[in-house]
Structures are given as C-alpha cells and as structure tokens.
Amino acid sequence: LNNVFAEPTTAAAQILGGDFNIPRDVMEDWLANHHPHKMLVHGGHSCAGLTSMSSIDYFVIDRRLNTILGRAASWETVLATHRPISLQIWSQPGEAMVEVMAHPLKKKVVKR
C-alpha cells in the first residue's frame, strides 16, 4: 500500500478495494500508524473458512470521502469462499468522480 499511496495521481482522493489477506483490525492499526488520512470501510464478513468467517476483503479510502459514503456490503455467493464486496458512493448528477490508476511499479521502493 505504501507504493500505491506514493504513486503520483491527479485524483483528489483514492479508494482501494480488494482481498488484502490481512484481518480488518490489523489493517486499521497499520493505517492509523502509517497513513492516518486513510480509513478502512467494510461490509461485514467476506471470507468463509471451514470453521470461521473473517473480514479480509474491504476498502481503504481517503478520509475526505467519508461524507459521500453510502453503504458497504458483502454479498452472498456460491462461486467461492470470498463474498463479493461493494461500496456505495453518493455524488451529484453529472459529477465525474472516477479515475482509474495504473498498477504501481512492483519493484519501486518507497522510503518513509
């Protein structure tokens, strides 16, 4: 995530969503210590194991977007052990909001 957050972009704020394979509480602590301007948004348990459920699929967003957030959810599925996740965003009609960022360079090292 350090590499993604360090990538130059014209976007005013970022939303990253996916399977982070890191428990939600661990990621929240890491964000608070390394990127306090970011926050985690989840829609509940998203990964089913043999004996338990976990939340490793979620969104990391810029805190400035908190005022336009709608509902986050994880959806029932029969396709895999991971439930699809969604994030609702409220905006004004006709307002362009989405810019897709290219994948960051994997070998770039970000110094903090």
C-alpha atoms as a PDB file:
ATOM      1  CA  LEU A   1       0.000   0.000   0.000  1.00  0.00           C
ATOM      2  CA  ASN A   2       2.893   2.374   0.580  1.00  0.00           C
ATOM      3  CA  ASN A   3       3.698   2.129  -3.143  1.00  0.00           C
ATOM      4  CA  VAL A   4       0.096   2.763  -4.160  1.00  0.00           C
ATOM      5  CA  PHE A   5      -0.281   5.791  -1.887  1.00  0.00           C
ATOM      6  CA  ALA A   6       3.043   7.202  -3.136  1.00  0.00           C
ATOM      7  CA  GLU A   7       2.067   6.971  -6.835  1.00  0.00           C
ATOM      8  CA  PRO A   8       1.509  10.400  -8.359  1.00  0.00           C
ATOM      9  CA  THR A   9      -2.124  10.901  -9.335  1.00  0.00           C
ATOM     10  CA  THR A  10      -4.399  13.744 -10.284  1.00  0.00           C
ATOM     11  CA  ALA A  11      -7.145  12.259  -8.112  1.00  0.00           C
ATOM     12  CA  ALA A  12      -8.131  14.303  -5.087  1.00  0.00           C
ATOM     13  CA  ALA A  13      -8.678  11.107  -3.079  1.00  0.00           C
ATOM     14  CA  GLN A  14      -8.290   7.357  -3.535  1.00  0.00           C
ATOM     15  CA  ILE A  15     -10.458   4.289  -2.971  1.00  0.00           C
ATOM     16  CA  LEU A  16      -8.766   0.883  -2.981  1.00  0.00           C
ATOM     17  CA  GLY A  17     -10.831  -2.262  -2.705  1.00  0.00           C
ATOM     18  CA  GLY A  18      -9.946  -5.913  -2.671  1.00  0.00           C
ATOM     19  CA  ASP A  19      -8.771  -9.024  -0.896  1.00  0.00           C
ATOM     20  CA  PHE A  20      -5.978  -7.749   1.343  1.00  0.00           C
ATOM     21  CA  ASN A  21      -5.459 -11.078   3.189  1.00  0.00           C
ATOM     22  CA  ILE A  22      -4.942  -9.054   6.360  1.00  0.00           C
ATOM     23  CA  PRO A  23      -7.525  -9.071   9.162  1.00  0.00           C
ATOM     24  CA  ARG A  24      -9.505  -5.848   9.367  1.00  0.00           C
ATOM     25  CA  ASP A  25      -8.299  -4.871  12.869  1.00  0.00           C
ATOM     26  CA  VAL A  26      -4.635  -5.341  11.897  1.00  0.00           C
ATOM     27  CA  MET A  27      -5.077  -3.150   8.809  1.00  0.00           C
ATOM     28  CA  GLU A  28      -6.886  -0.468  10.832  1.00  0.00           C
ATOM     29  CA  ASP A  29      -3.961  -0.306  13.270  1.00  0.00           C
ATOM     30  CA  TRP A  30      -1.431  -0.155  10.416  1.00  0.00           C
ATOM     31  CA  LEU A  31      -3.337   2.633   8.666  1.00  0.00           C
ATOM     32  CA  ALA A  32      -3.579   4.644  11.893  1.00  0.00           C
ATOM     33  CA  ASN A  33       0.208   4.430  12.347  1.00  0.00           C
ATOM     34  CA  HIS A  34       1.356   4.830   8.728  1.00  0.00           C
ATOM     35  CA  HIS A  35      -1.430   6.584   6.801  1.00  0.00           C
ATOM     36  CA  PRO A  36      -3.714   8.370   9.290  1.00  0.00           C
ATOM     37  CA  HIS A  37      -5.504  10.208   6.448  1.00  0.00           C
ATOM     38  CA  LYS A  38      -6.854   6.844   5.208  1.00  0.00           C
ATOM     39  CA  MET A  39      -9.623   4.725   6.727  1.00  0.00           C
ATOM     40  CA  LEU A  40     -10.988   1.227   6.293  1.00  0.00           C
ATOM     41  CA  VAL A  41     -14.578   0.542   5.214  1.00  0.00           C
ATOM     42  CA  HIS A  42     -16.034  -2.959   5.279  1.00  0.00           C
ATOM     43  CA  GLY A  43     -19.398  -4.590   4.800  1.00  0.00           C
ATOM     44  CA  GLY A  44     -19.070  -7.448   7.264  1.00  0.00           C
ATOM     45  CA  HIS A  45     -17.572 -10.907   6.994  1.00  0.00           C
ATOM     46  CA  SER A  46     -16.334 -11.624   3.500  1.00  0.00           C
ATOM     47  CA  CYS A  47     -14.358 -14.862   3.691  1.00  0.00           C
ATOM     48  CA  ALA A  48     -15.708 -18.226   4.833  1.00  0.00           C
ATOM     49  CA  GLY A  49     -13.382 -20.909   6.150  1.00  0.00           C
ATOM     50  CA  LEU A  50     -14.246 -24.386   7.357  1.00  0.00           C
ATOM     51  CA  THR A  51     -14.878 -23.229  10.917  1.00  0.00           C
ATOM     52  CA  SER A  52     -14.947 -19.426  10.871  1.00  0.00           C
ATOM     53  CA  MET A  53     -15.645 -16.204   8.987  1.00  0.00           C
ATOM     54  CA  SER A  54     -13.276 -13.263   8.563  1.00  0.00           C
ATOM     55  CA  SER A  55     -13.139  -9.773   7.085  1.00  0.00           C
ATOM     56  CA  ILE A  56     -10.130  -9.615   4.766  1.00  0.00           C
ATOM     57  CA  ASP A  57     -11.953  -8.083   1.781  1.00  0.00           C
ATOM     58  CA  TYR A  58     -12.629  -4.375   2.271  1.00  0.00           C
ATOM     59  CA  PHE A  59     -11.977  -0.841   1.032  1.00  0.00           C
ATOM     60  CA  VAL A  60      -9.252   1.595   2.072  1.00  0.00           C
ATOM     61  CA  ILE A  61     -10.349   5.150   1.365  1.00  0.00           C
ATOM     62  CA  ASP A  62      -9.217   8.707   1.906  1.00  0.00           C
ATOM     63  CA  ARG A  63     -10.948  10.175   4.974  1.00  0.00           C
ATOM     64  CA  ARG A  64     -12.070  13.164   2.876  1.00  0.00           C
ATOM     65  CA  LEU A  65     -14.527  10.808   1.141  1.00  0.00           C
ATOM     66  CA  ASN A  66     -16.315   9.931   4.371  1.00  0.00           C
ATOM     67  CA  THR A  67     -19.083  12.462   3.648  1.00  0.00           C
ATOM     68  CA  ILE A  68     -20.087  10.792   0.357  1.00  0.00           C
ATOM     69  CA  LEU A  69     -20.035   7.187   1.523  1.00  0.00           C
ATOM     70  CA  GLY A  70     -23.201   5.194   1.289  1.00  0.00           C
ATOM     71  CA  ARG A  71     -23.466   1.563   2.304  1.00  0.00           C
ATOM     72  CA  ALA A  72     -20.693  -1.042   2.229  1.00  0.00           C
ATOM     73  CA  ALA A  73     -21.765  -4.670   1.889  1.00  0.00           C
ATOM     74  CA  SER A  74     -20.558  -8.203   1.342  1.00  0.00           C
ATOM     75  CA  TRP A  75     -22.843 -10.326  -0.811  1.00  0.00           C
ATOM     76  CA  GLU A  76     -23.858 -13.969  -0.606  1.00  0.00           C
ATOM     77  CA  THR A  77     -22.398 -16.116  -3.391  1.00  0.00           C
ATOM     78  CA  VAL A  78     -21.935 -19.755  -4.346  1.00  0.00           C
ATOM     79  CA  LEU A  79     -18.907 -19.020  -6.526  1.00  0.00           C
ATOM     80  CA  ALA A  80     -16.064 -19.090  -3.997  1.00  0.00           C
ATOM     81  CA  THR A  81     -15.088 -18.775  -0.347  1.00  0.00           C
ATOM     82  CA  HIS A  82     -14.867 -14.982  -0.726  1.00  0.00           C
ATOM     83  CA  ARG A  83     -18.020 -12.908  -0.900  1.00  0.00           C
ATOM     84  CA  PRO A  84     -18.066 -10.025  -3.380  1.00  0.00           C
ATOM     85  CA  ILE A  85     -17.887  -6.617  -1.678  1.00  0.00           C
ATOM     86  CA  SER A  86     -19.465  -3.342  -2.738  1.00  0.00           C
ATOM     87  CA  LEU A  87     -19.276   0.302  -1.731  1.00  0.00           C
ATOM     88  CA  GLN A  88     -21.987   2.836  -2.482  1.00  0.00           C
ATOM     89  CA  ILE A  89     -20.863   6.414  -3.160  1.00  0.00           C
ATOM     90  CA  TRP A  90     -23.200   9.416  -3.267  1.00  0.00           C
ATOM     91  CA  SER A  91     -22.485  12.175  -5.760  1.00  0.00           C
ATOM     92  CA  GLN A  92     -24.242  14.922  -7.691  1.00  0.00           C
ATOM     93  CA  PRO A  93     -25.731  14.010 -11.109  1.00  0.00           C
ATOM     94  CA  GLY A  94     -23.205  14.549 -13.879  1.00  0.00           C
ATOM     95  CA  GLU A  95     -20.264  14.821 -11.493  1.00  0.00           C
ATOM     96  CA  ALA A  96     -17.232  12.936 -12.835  1.00  0.00           C
ATOM     97  CA  MET A  97     -15.623  11.112  -9.934  1.00  0.00           C
ATOM     98  CA  VAL A  98     -13.698   8.085 -11.173  1.00  0.00           C
ATOM     99  CA  GLU A  99     -10.134   7.970 -12.405  1.00  0.00           C
ATOM    100  CA  VAL A 100      -8.514   4.567 -12.822  1.00  0.00           C
ATOM    101  CA  MET A 101      -4.947   4.429 -11.608  1.00  0.00           C
ATOM    102  CA  ALA A 102      -2.430   2.243 -13.408  1.00  0.00           C
ATOM    103  CA  HIS A 103      -0.848  -0.543 -11.397  1.00  0.00           C
ATOM    104  CA  PRO A 104       2.110   0.822  -9.432  1.00  0.00           C
ATOM    105  CA  LEU A 105       5.574  -0.448 -10.191  1.00  0.00           C
ATOM    106  CA  LYS A 106       6.198  -3.588  -8.124  1.00  0.00           C
ATOM    107  CA  LYS A 107       9.939  -3.026  -7.704  1.00  0.00           C
ATOM    108  CA  LYS A 108       9.749   0.591  -6.631  1.00  0.00           C
ATOM    109  CA  VAL A 109      10.804   1.080  -3.013  1.00  0.00           C
ATOM    110  CA  VAL A 110       9.087   3.821  -1.058  1.00  0.00           C
ATOM    111  CA  LYS A 111      11.101   5.290   1.796  1.00  0.00           C
ATOM    112  CA  ARG A 112       9.150   6.627   4.747  1.00  0.00           C
END
